[in-house]
Amino acid sequence: MSGPVGAAAHRFAIVAARWNEGHVRRLVDAALDTLRRNGVADEDVETTWVPGSLELPVAASWAAGSGRFDAVLCFGVVIRGETEHFRLVAEGAAHGLQRVALDSGVPVLNGVLAVHDVAQADARTGGTHGNTGAQAALAALTMAGLHAAMRGGRA
């Protein structure tokens, strides 16, 4: 698989939630594998772990504001429990990540899964529905190239 032109010239931050860490690690691993297969060197990716999905936006803001990254990929898995709290967490994370992207101008990829049960999480972290981590990494590569091109740099 070949990546976007200039993919090797980009730097990426990955911010991952420790809550439901087993599933989140599968997302992170797939993202890292996809970035590598598209020419991104390991030293051009920094991974940071935060306690949960609601902490993703602030860490993404720190990464985007550092000026060191061309895109920020954020991963979390929120599984429904007995209440609707999972929806509030997922929506809060999504709104926060969108705000970081719009405020900073740095692409921020939302890889937070909001699922009803473990089977749905399994299906989206390498199961029947693929791996959201790989999909987010491909989107990050595309957005980093587009961002560079629109700034007048190499894509």
Protein backbone atom coordinates (compact mmCIF):
# COMPACT_ATOMS: atom_id res chain seq x y z
CA MET A 1 0.00 0.00 0.00
CA SER A 2 1.43 3.37 -0.90
CA GLY A 3 0.62 6.47 1.08
CA PRO A 4 -0.09 10.04 0.15
CA VAL A 5 2.77 11.98 -1.38
CA GLY A 6 4.92 13.40 1.40
CA ALA A 7 3.40 11.19 4.12
CA ALA A 8 6.85 10.51 5.51
CA ALA A 9 7.37 14.25 6.07
CA HIS A 10 4.46 14.55 8.51
CA ARG A 11 4.38 14.17 12.29
CA PHE A 12 1.44 12.72 14.17
CA ALA A 13 0.25 12.71 17.77
CA ILE A 14 -1.87 9.85 19.06
CA VAL A 15 -3.86 10.49 22.21
CA ALA A 16 -5.48 7.41 23.72
CA ALA A 17 -7.82 6.80 26.65
CA ARG A 18 -6.90 4.14 29.21
CA TRP A 19 -10.57 3.38 29.96
CA ASN A 20 -11.38 0.12 28.14
CA GLU A 21 -7.67 -0.03 27.38
CA GLY A 22 -7.73 -3.45 25.72
CA HIS A 23 -9.99 -2.20 22.95
CA VAL A 24 -8.23 1.16 22.73
CA ARG A 25 -4.84 -0.57 22.32
CA ARG A 26 -6.22 -2.39 19.28
CA LEU A 27 -7.20 0.97 17.77
CA VAL A 28 -3.78 2.48 18.52
CA ASP A 29 -1.93 -0.57 17.17
CA ALA A 30 -3.91 -0.49 13.92
CA ALA A 31 -3.28 3.25 13.54
CA LEU A 32 0.45 2.81 14.11
CA ASP A 33 0.60 -0.07 11.64
CA THR A 34 -1.26 1.96 9.01
CA LEU A 35 0.99 4.98 9.48
CA ARG A 36 4.10 2.79 9.18
CA ARG A 37 2.82 1.04 6.06
CA ASN A 38 2.31 4.47 4.53
CA GLY A 39 5.88 5.63 5.11
CA VAL A 40 5.65 7.38 8.48
CA ALA A 41 8.67 6.67 10.66
CA ASP A 42 8.17 5.60 14.27
CA GLU A 43 10.02 8.68 15.50
CA ASP A 44 7.43 10.87 13.76
CA VAL A 45 4.60 9.54 15.94
CA GLU A 46 4.15 10.33 19.63
CA THR A 47 1.60 8.42 21.68
CA THR A 48 0.16 9.80 24.92
CA TRP A 49 -2.27 8.03 27.25
CA VAL A 50 -4.92 9.86 29.28
CA PRO A 51 -7.33 8.48 31.90
CA GLY A 52 -10.52 8.49 29.82
CA SER A 53 -12.27 9.81 26.74
CA LEU A 54 -13.28 13.10 28.36
CA GLU A 55 -9.59 13.91 28.79
CA LEU A 56 -8.87 13.45 25.08
CA PRO A 57 -9.83 17.01 24.00
CA VAL A 58 -7.50 18.80 26.42
CA ALA A 59 -4.56 16.55 25.55
CA ALA A 60 -5.39 16.97 21.85
CA SER A 61 -5.41 20.73 22.39
CA TRP A 62 -1.95 20.56 23.96
CA ALA A 63 -0.66 18.50 21.03
CA ALA A 64 -2.26 20.71 18.38
CA GLY A 65 -1.06 23.87 20.13
CA SER A 66 2.52 22.63 20.32
CA GLY A 67 3.04 23.25 16.60
CA ARG A 68 4.91 19.92 16.35
CA PHE A 69 2.20 17.81 14.72
CA ASP A 70 0.43 17.78 11.36
CA ALA A 71 -2.53 15.83 12.73
CA VAL A 72 -3.76 14.46 16.06
CA LEU A 73 -5.48 11.08 16.25
CA CYS A 74 -7.65 10.45 19.32
CA PHE A 75 -8.89 7.05 20.46
CA GLY A 76 -11.29 5.89 23.12
CA VAL A 77 -13.95 3.24 23.62
CA VAL A 78 -17.06 4.06 25.61
CA ILE A 79 -19.31 1.07 26.29
CA ARG A 80 -22.86 1.54 27.49
CA GLY A 81 -23.52 0.54 31.05
CA GLU A 82 -26.75 0.70 32.99
CA THR A 83 -27.24 4.42 32.33
CA GLU A 84 -26.89 6.89 29.46
CA HIS A 85 -23.61 8.23 30.89
CA PHE A 86 -21.71 6.61 27.99
CA ARG A 87 -23.54 8.89 25.55
CA LEU A 88 -22.60 12.01 27.52
CA VAL A 89 -18.94 10.95 27.59
CA ALA A 90 -18.85 10.17 23.85
CA GLU A 91 -20.66 13.38 22.90
CA GLY A 92 -18.47 15.47 25.20
CA ALA A 93 -15.35 13.98 23.67
CA ALA A 94 -16.65 14.47 20.12
CA HIS A 95 -17.61 18.11 20.68
CA GLY A 96 -14.30 18.82 22.42
CA LEU A 97 -12.23 17.23 19.65
CA GLN A 98 -14.13 19.13 16.97
CA ARG A 99 -13.55 22.36 18.87
CA VAL A 100 -9.80 21.66 19.09
CA ALA A 101 -9.64 21.06 15.33
CA LEU A 102 -11.56 24.20 14.48
CA ASP A 103 -9.77 26.40 17.02
CA SER A 104 -6.26 25.18 16.17
CA GLY A 105 -6.59 24.51 12.44
CA VAL A 106 -4.81 21.19 12.99
CA PRO A 107 -6.69 18.08 11.82
CA VAL A 108 -8.00 16.15 14.83
CA LEU A 109 -9.34 12.68 14.06
CA ASN A 110 -12.09 11.36 16.30
CA GLY A 111 -11.55 7.66 16.88
CA VAL A 112 -13.82 7.45 19.92
CA LEU A 113 -16.21 4.53 19.68
CA ALA A 114 -19.54 4.74 21.49
CA VAL A 115 -20.95 1.22 21.54
CA HIS A 116 -23.76 -0.63 23.28
CA ASP A 117 -21.76 -3.71 24.19
CA VAL A 118 -18.40 -5.46 24.01
CA ALA A 119 -19.40 -7.29 20.81
CA GLN A 120 -19.83 -3.96 19.02
CA ALA A 121 -16.44 -2.81 20.33
CA ASP A 122 -14.85 -6.06 19.14
CA ALA A 123 -16.41 -5.64 15.69
CA ARG A 124 -14.93 -2.15 15.30
CA THR A 125 -11.47 -2.83 16.74
CA GLY A 126 -10.42 -5.48 14.26
CA GLY A 127 -13.54 -7.58 13.86
CA THR A 128 -16.27 -7.72 11.23
CA HIS A 129 -16.40 -3.95 10.78
CA GLY A 130 -12.65 -3.51 10.39
CA ASN A 131 -10.60 -1.31 12.66
CA THR A 132 -11.49 2.31 13.32
CA GLY A 133 -7.85 2.97 14.22
CA ALA A 134 -6.69 2.11 10.71
CA GLN A 135 -9.48 4.20 9.21
CA ALA A 136 -8.57 7.21 11.38
CA ALA A 137 -4.89 6.87 10.40
CA LEU A 138 -5.75 6.92 6.69
CA ALA A 139 -7.90 9.99 7.26
CA ALA A 140 -5.06 11.64 9.22
CA LEU A 141 -2.63 11.01 6.37
CA THR A 142 -5.07 12.55 3.89
CA MET A 143 -5.84 15.56 6.08
CA ALA A 144 -2.18 16.22 6.91
CA GLY A 145 -1.38 16.26 3.20
CA LEU A 146 -4.36 18.45 2.38
CA HIS A 147 -3.50 20.84 5.21
CA ALA A 148 0.07 21.16 3.93
CA ALA A 149 -1.10 21.68 0.36
CA MET A 150 -3.58 24.38 1.36
CA ARG A 151 -0.80 26.19 3.28
CA GLY A 152 1.27 26.14 0.10
CA GLY A 153 3.55 23.30 1.20
CA ARG A 154 4.00 19.83 -0.17
CA ALA A 155 1.06 17.49 0.07
